[in-house]
Structures are given as structure tokens and as C-alpha cells.
Amino acid sequence: MRKLINNKKVPELKKPVNLTILTKCPLKWQIRDLETGKVYQATGSLELYKQWKPIK
């Protein structure tokens, strides 16, 4: 189990899964890690591991 910043517990899977967003406007997207509170902004890059940058 993982504990989120709101103290809710959620199950952890044995294997990772892909989460995909298909969009014509990537720069409008942000994601938030509910475990750490970190927020990431989409970059518009197609290169793996360069599609999201952390917002400080």
C-alpha cells in the first residue's frame, strides 16, 4: 500500500502500467503526484523521459 498526502492508502501494483494522454495541445497539461505532492508540466517533447518537467 502507498500512503498519499491526504492520508488515504492506495494499492501498489506488482508491475508498472503505462498512462497515456493523447492531445493536440500538450502544454496545457499538468500532472500531480498524490504521494509526494510534486507537480509536472508537459513539455511537448516526443522523447521518452523528456515529456514532463517538474514545476518548482
PDB file of N, CA and C in Angstrom:
ATOM      1  N   MET A   1       0.844  -1.187   0.000  1.00  0.00           N
ATOM      2  CA  MET A   1       0.000   0.000   0.000  1.00  0.00           C
ATOM      3  C   MET A   1       0.884   1.242   0.000  1.00  0.00           C
ATOM      4  N   ARG A   2       0.374   2.301  -0.609  1.00  0.00           N
ATOM      5  CA  ARG A   2       1.040   3.601  -0.603  1.00  0.00           C
ATOM      6  C   ARG A   2       0.153   4.588   0.140  1.00  0.00           C
ATOM      7  N   LYS A   3       0.763   5.452   0.922  1.00  0.00           N
ATOM      8  CA  LYS A   3       0.032   6.468   1.667  1.00  0.00           C
ATOM      9  C   LYS A   3       0.156   7.800   0.943  1.00  0.00           C
ATOM     10  N   LEU A   4      -0.980   8.404   0.576  1.00  0.00           N
ATOM     11  CA  LEU A   4      -0.992   9.668  -0.131  1.00  0.00           C
ATOM     12  C   LEU A   4      -0.890  10.831   0.846  1.00  0.00           C
ATOM     13  N   ILE A   5      -0.677  12.035   0.320  1.00  0.00           N
ATOM     14  CA  ILE A   5      -0.519  13.198   1.192  1.00  0.00           C
ATOM     15  C   ILE A   5      -1.801  13.539   1.949  1.00  0.00           C
ATOM     16  N   ASN A   6      -2.944  13.017   1.495  1.00  0.00           N
ATOM     17  CA  ASN A   6      -4.201  13.228   2.216  1.00  0.00           C
ATOM     18  C   ASN A   6      -4.483  12.078   3.198  1.00  0.00           C
ATOM     19  N   ASN A   7      -3.468  11.240   3.441  1.00  0.00           N
ATOM     20  CA  ASN A   7      -3.504  10.085   4.350  1.00  0.00           C
ATOM     21  C   ASN A   7      -4.310   8.898   3.831  1.00  0.00           C
ATOM     22  N   LYS A   8      -4.856   8.995   2.624  1.00  0.00           N
ATOM     23  CA  LYS A   8      -5.563   7.863   2.026  1.00  0.00           C
ATOM     24  C   LYS A   8      -4.530   6.821   1.615  1.00  0.00           C
ATOM     25  N   LYS A   9      -4.872   5.550   1.751  1.00  0.00           N
ATOM     26  CA  LYS A   9      -3.990   4.470   1.324  1.00  0.00           C
ATOM     27  C   LYS A   9      -4.521   3.873   0.032  1.00  0.00           C
ATOM     28  N   VAL A  10      -3.607   3.640  -0.921  1.00  0.00           N
ATOM     29  CA  VAL A  10      -3.971   3.068  -2.212  1.00  0.00           C
ATOM     30  C   VAL A  10      -3.062   1.874  -2.509  1.00  0.00           C
ATOM     31  N   PRO A  11      -3.576   0.873  -3.226  1.00  0.00           N
ATOM     32  CA  PRO A  11      -2.766  -0.313  -3.502  1.00  0.00           C
ATOM     33  C   PRO A  11      -1.647  -0.031  -4.508  1.00  0.00           C
ATOM     34  N   GLU A  12      -0.541  -0.735  -4.332  1.00  0.00           N
ATOM     35  CA  GLU A  12       0.576  -0.665  -5.278  1.00  0.00           C
ATOM     36  C   GLU A  12       0.563  -1.942  -6.111  1.00  0.00           C
ATOM     37  N   LEU A  13       0.670  -1.796  -7.426  1.00  0.00           N
ATOM     38  CA  LEU A  13       0.676  -2.948  -8.322  1.00  0.00           C
ATOM     39  C   LEU A  13       2.038  -3.632  -8.323  1.00  0.00           C
ATOM     40  N   LYS A  14       2.077  -4.881  -8.745  1.00  0.00           N
ATOM     41  CA  LYS A  14       3.341  -5.611  -8.819  1.00  0.00           C
ATOM     42  C   LYS A  14       4.191  -5.146 -10.000  1.00  0.00           C
ATOM     43  N   LYS A  15       3.532  -4.719 -11.097  1.00  0.00           N
ATOM     44  CA  LYS A  15       4.240  -4.267 -12.294  1.00  0.00           C
ATOM     45  C   LYS A  15       3.747  -2.867 -12.672  1.00  0.00           C
ATOM     46  N   PRO A  16       4.621  -2.059 -13.271  1.00  0.00           N
ATOM     47  CA  PRO A  16       4.203  -0.730 -13.700  1.00  0.00           C
ATOM     48  C   PRO A  16       3.225  -0.790 -14.870  1.00  0.00           C
ATOM     49  N   VAL A  17       2.414   0.243 -15.004  1.00  0.00           N
ATOM     50  CA  VAL A  17       1.481   0.378 -16.122  1.00  0.00           C
ATOM     51  C   VAL A  17       1.768   1.688 -16.849  1.00  0.00           C
ATOM     52  N   ASN A  18       1.409   1.747 -18.119  1.00  0.00           N
ATOM     53  CA  ASN A  18       1.545   2.980 -18.900  1.00  0.00           C
ATOM     54  C   ASN A  18       0.280   3.805 -18.755  1.00  0.00           C
ATOM     55  N   LEU A  19       0.437   5.094 -18.524  1.00  0.00           N
ATOM     56  CA  LEU A  19      -0.664   6.046 -18.547  1.00  0.00           C
ATOM     57  C   LEU A  19      -0.390   6.976 -19.719  1.00  0.00           C
ATOM     58  N   THR A  20      -1.343   7.088 -20.637  1.00  0.00           N
ATOM     59  CA  THR A  20      -1.123   7.822 -21.876  1.00  0.00           C
ATOM     60  C   THR A  20      -2.134   8.950 -22.024  1.00  0.00           C
ATOM     61  N   ILE A  21      -1.668  10.102 -22.464  1.00  0.00           N
ATOM     62  CA  ILE A  21      -2.534  11.230 -22.789  1.00  0.00           C
ATOM     63  C   ILE A  21      -2.324  11.551 -24.263  1.00  0.00           C
ATOM     64  N   LEU A  22      -3.387  11.489 -25.062  1.00  0.00           N
ATOM     65  CA  LEU A  22      -3.323  11.894 -26.463  1.00  0.00           C
ATOM     66  C   LEU A  22      -3.925  13.286 -26.562  1.00  0.00           C
ATOM     67  N   THR A  23      -3.154  14.233 -27.082  1.00  0.00           N
ATOM     68  CA  THR A  23      -3.615  15.616 -27.133  1.00  0.00           C
ATOM     69  C   THR A  23      -2.953  16.363 -28.280  1.00  0.00           C
ATOM     70  N   LYS A  24      -3.630  17.365 -28.784  1.00  0.00           N
ATOM     71  CA  LYS A  24      -3.047  18.253 -29.782  1.00  0.00           C
ATOM     72  C   LYS A  24      -2.427  19.479 -29.118  1.00  0.00           C
ATOM     73  N   CYS A  25      -2.605  19.601 -27.806  1.00  0.00           N
ATOM     74  CA  CYS A  25      -2.099  20.772 -27.071  1.00  0.00           C
ATOM     75  C   CYS A  25      -1.411  20.308 -25.782  1.00  0.00           C
ATOM     76  N   PRO A  26      -0.212  19.746 -25.883  1.00  0.00           N
ATOM     77  CA  PRO A  26       0.439  19.178 -24.712  1.00  0.00           C
ATOM     78  C   PRO A  26       0.781  20.175 -23.610  1.00  0.00           C
ATOM     79  N   LEU A  27       1.019  21.429 -23.965  1.00  0.00           N
ATOM     80  CA  LEU A  27       1.447  22.397 -22.957  1.00  0.00           C
ATOM     81  C   LEU A  27       0.334  22.802 -21.996  1.00  0.00           C
ATOM     82  N   LYS A  28      -0.893  22.381 -22.266  1.00  0.00           N
ATOM     83  CA  LYS A  28      -1.983  22.697 -21.338  1.00  0.00           C
ATOM     84  C   LYS A  28      -2.078  21.682 -20.202  1.00  0.00           C
ATOM     85  N   TRP A  29      -1.285  20.619 -20.246  1.00  0.00           N
ATOM     86  CA  TRP A  29      -1.397  19.524 -19.283  1.00  0.00           C
ATOM     87  C   TRP A  29      -0.393  19.621 -18.147  1.00  0.00           C
ATOM     88  N   GLN A  30      -0.868  19.287 -16.932  1.00  0.00           N
ATOM     89  CA  GLN A  30      -0.026  19.116 -15.747  1.00  0.00           C
ATOM     90  C   GLN A  30      -0.461  17.820 -15.065  1.00  0.00           C
ATOM     91  N   ILE A  31       0.471  17.198 -14.365  1.00  0.00           N
ATOM     92  CA  ILE A  31       0.130  16.032 -13.541  1.00  0.00           C
ATOM     93  C   ILE A  31       0.661  16.276 -12.127  1.00  0.00           C
ATOM     94  N   ARG A  32      -0.016  15.710 -11.153  1.00  0.00           N
ATOM     95  CA  ARG A  32       0.382  15.857  -9.751  1.00  0.00           C
ATOM     96  C   ARG A  32       0.532  14.460  -9.148  1.00  0.00           C
ATOM     97  N   ASP A  33       1.658  14.243  -8.480  1.00  0.00           N
ATOM     98  CA  ASP A  33       1.907  13.001  -7.750  1.00  0.00           C
ATOM     99  C   ASP A  33       1.231  13.135  -6.385  1.00  0.00           C
ATOM    100  N   LEU A  34       0.200  12.365  -6.157  1.00  0.00           N
ATOM    101  CA  LEU A  34      -0.565  12.490  -4.918  1.00  0.00           C
ATOM    102  C   LEU A  34       0.138  11.868  -3.709  1.00  0.00           C
ATOM    103  N   GLU A  35       1.268  11.207  -3.941  1.00  0.00           N
ATOM    104  CA  GLU A  35       2.055  10.667  -2.831  1.00  0.00           C
ATOM    105  C   GLU A  35       3.078  11.692  -2.344  1.00  0.00           C
ATOM    106  N   THR A  36       3.713  12.404  -3.287  1.00  0.00           N
ATOM    107  CA  THR A  36       4.766  13.354  -2.924  1.00  0.00           C
ATOM    108  C   THR A  36       4.325  14.812  -3.001  1.00  0.00           C
ATOM    109  N   GLY A  37       3.265  15.069  -3.756  1.00  0.00           N
ATOM    110  CA  GLY A  37       2.807  16.433  -3.951  1.00  0.00           C
ATOM    111  C   GLY A  37       3.505  17.148  -5.095  1.00  0.00           C
ATOM    112  N   LYS A  38       4.463  16.499  -5.766  1.00  0.00           N
ATOM    113  CA  LYS A  38       5.185  17.132  -6.870  1.00  0.00           C
ATOM    114  C   LYS A  38       4.256  17.310  -8.073  1.00  0.00           C
ATOM    115  N   VAL A  39       4.457  18.432  -8.785  1.00  0.00           N
ATOM    116  CA  VAL A  39       3.660  18.753  -9.959  1.00  0.00           C
ATOM    117  C   VAL A  39       4.593  18.822 -11.165  1.00  0.00           C
ATOM    118  N   TYR A  40       4.129  18.280 -12.292  1.00  0.00           N
ATOM    119  CA  TYR A  40       4.910  18.252 -13.514  1.00  0.00           C
ATOM    120  C   TYR A  40       4.124  18.897 -14.647  1.00  0.00           C
ATOM    121  N   GLN A  41       4.838  19.631 -15.519  1.00  0.00           N
ATOM    122  CA  GLN A  41       4.249  20.287 -16.681  1.00  0.00           C
ATOM    123  C   GLN A  41       4.673  19.518 -17.926  1.00  0.00           C
ATOM    124  N   ALA A  42       3.739  19.282 -18.841  1.00  0.00           N
ATOM    125  CA  ALA A  42       4.083  18.647 -20.115  1.00  0.00           C
ATOM    126  C   ALA A  42       4.989  19.587 -20.907  1.00  0.00           C
ATOM    127  N   THR A  43       5.940  19.014 -21.645  1.00  0.00           N
ATOM    128  CA  THR A  43       6.899  19.814 -22.410  1.00  0.00           C
ATOM    129  C   THR A  43       6.577  19.861 -23.892  1.00  0.00           C
ATOM    130  N   GLY A  44       5.820  18.895 -24.391  1.00  0.00           N
ATOM    131  CA  GLY A  44       5.556  18.797 -25.827  1.00  0.00           C
ATOM    132  C   GLY A  44       6.582  17.940 -26.545  1.00  0.00           C
ATOM    133  N   SER A  45       7.618  17.500 -25.842  1.00  0.00           N
ATOM    134  CA  SER A  45       8.648  16.637 -26.433  1.00  0.00           C
ATOM    135  C   SER A  45       8.088  15.238 -26.669  1.00  0.00           C
ATOM    136  N   LEU A  46       8.533  14.602 -27.734  1.00  0.00           N
ATOM    137  CA  LEU A  46       8.152  13.218 -28.014  1.00  0.00           C
ATOM    138  C   LEU A  46       9.171  12.237 -27.452  1.00  0.00           C
ATOM    139  N   GLU A  47      10.312  12.742 -26.989  1.00  0.00           N
ATOM    140  CA  GLU A  47      11.381  11.890 -26.470  1.00  0.00           C
ATOM    141  C   GLU A  47      11.032  11.376 -25.082  1.00  0.00           C
ATOM    142  N   LEU A  48      11.157  10.056 -24.914  1.00  0.00           N
ATOM    143  CA  LEU A  48      10.862   9.415 -23.650  1.00  0.00           C
ATOM    144  C   LEU A  48      11.711  10.021 -22.541  1.00  0.00           C
ATOM    145  N   TYR A  49      11.122  10.235 -21.387  1.00  0.00           N
ATOM    146  CA  TYR A  49      11.750  10.829 -20.198  1.00  0.00           C
ATOM    147  C   TYR A  49      11.988  12.333 -20.324  1.00  0.00           C
ATOM    148  N   LYS A  50      11.529  12.940 -21.413  1.00  0.00           N
ATOM    149  CA  LYS A  50      11.619  14.395 -21.559  1.00  0.00           C
ATOM    150  C   LYS A  50      10.238  14.997 -21.797  1.00  0.00           C
ATOM    151  N   GLN A  51       9.190  14.204 -21.576  1.00  0.00           N
ATOM    152  CA  GLN A  51       7.832  14.662 -21.841  1.00  0.00           C
ATOM    153  C   GLN A  51       7.241  15.472 -20.697  1.00  0.00           C
ATOM    154  N   TRP A  52       7.830  15.360 -19.503  1.00  0.00           N
ATOM    155  CA  TRP A  52       7.333  16.079 -18.322  1.00  0.00           C
ATOM    156  C   TRP A  52       8.511  16.718 -17.609  1.00  0.00           C
ATOM    157  N   LYS A  53       8.319  17.967 -17.147  1.00  0.00           N
ATOM    158  CA  LYS A  53       9.349  18.625 -16.344  1.00  0.00           C
ATOM    159  C   LYS A  53       8.713  19.028 -15.015  1.00  0.00           C
ATOM    160  N   PRO A  54       9.459  18.902 -13.928  1.00  0.00           N
ATOM    161  CA  PRO A  54       8.911  19.290 -12.630  1.00  0.00           C
ATOM    162  C   PRO A  54       8.711  20.800 -12.536  1.00  0.00           C
ATOM    163  N   ILE A  55       7.652  21.205 -11.876  1.00  0.00           N
ATOM    164  CA  ILE A  55       7.395  22.611 -11.592  1.00  0.00           C
ATOM    165  C   ILE A  55       7.858  22.863 -10.173  1.00  0.00           C
ATOM    166  N   LYS A  56       8.743  23.814 -10.000  1.00  0.00           N
ATOM    167  CA  LYS A  56       9.311  24.062  -8.668  1.00  0.00           C
ATOM    168  C   LYS A  56       8.564  25.127  -7.940  1.00  0.00           C
TER     169      LYS A  56
END
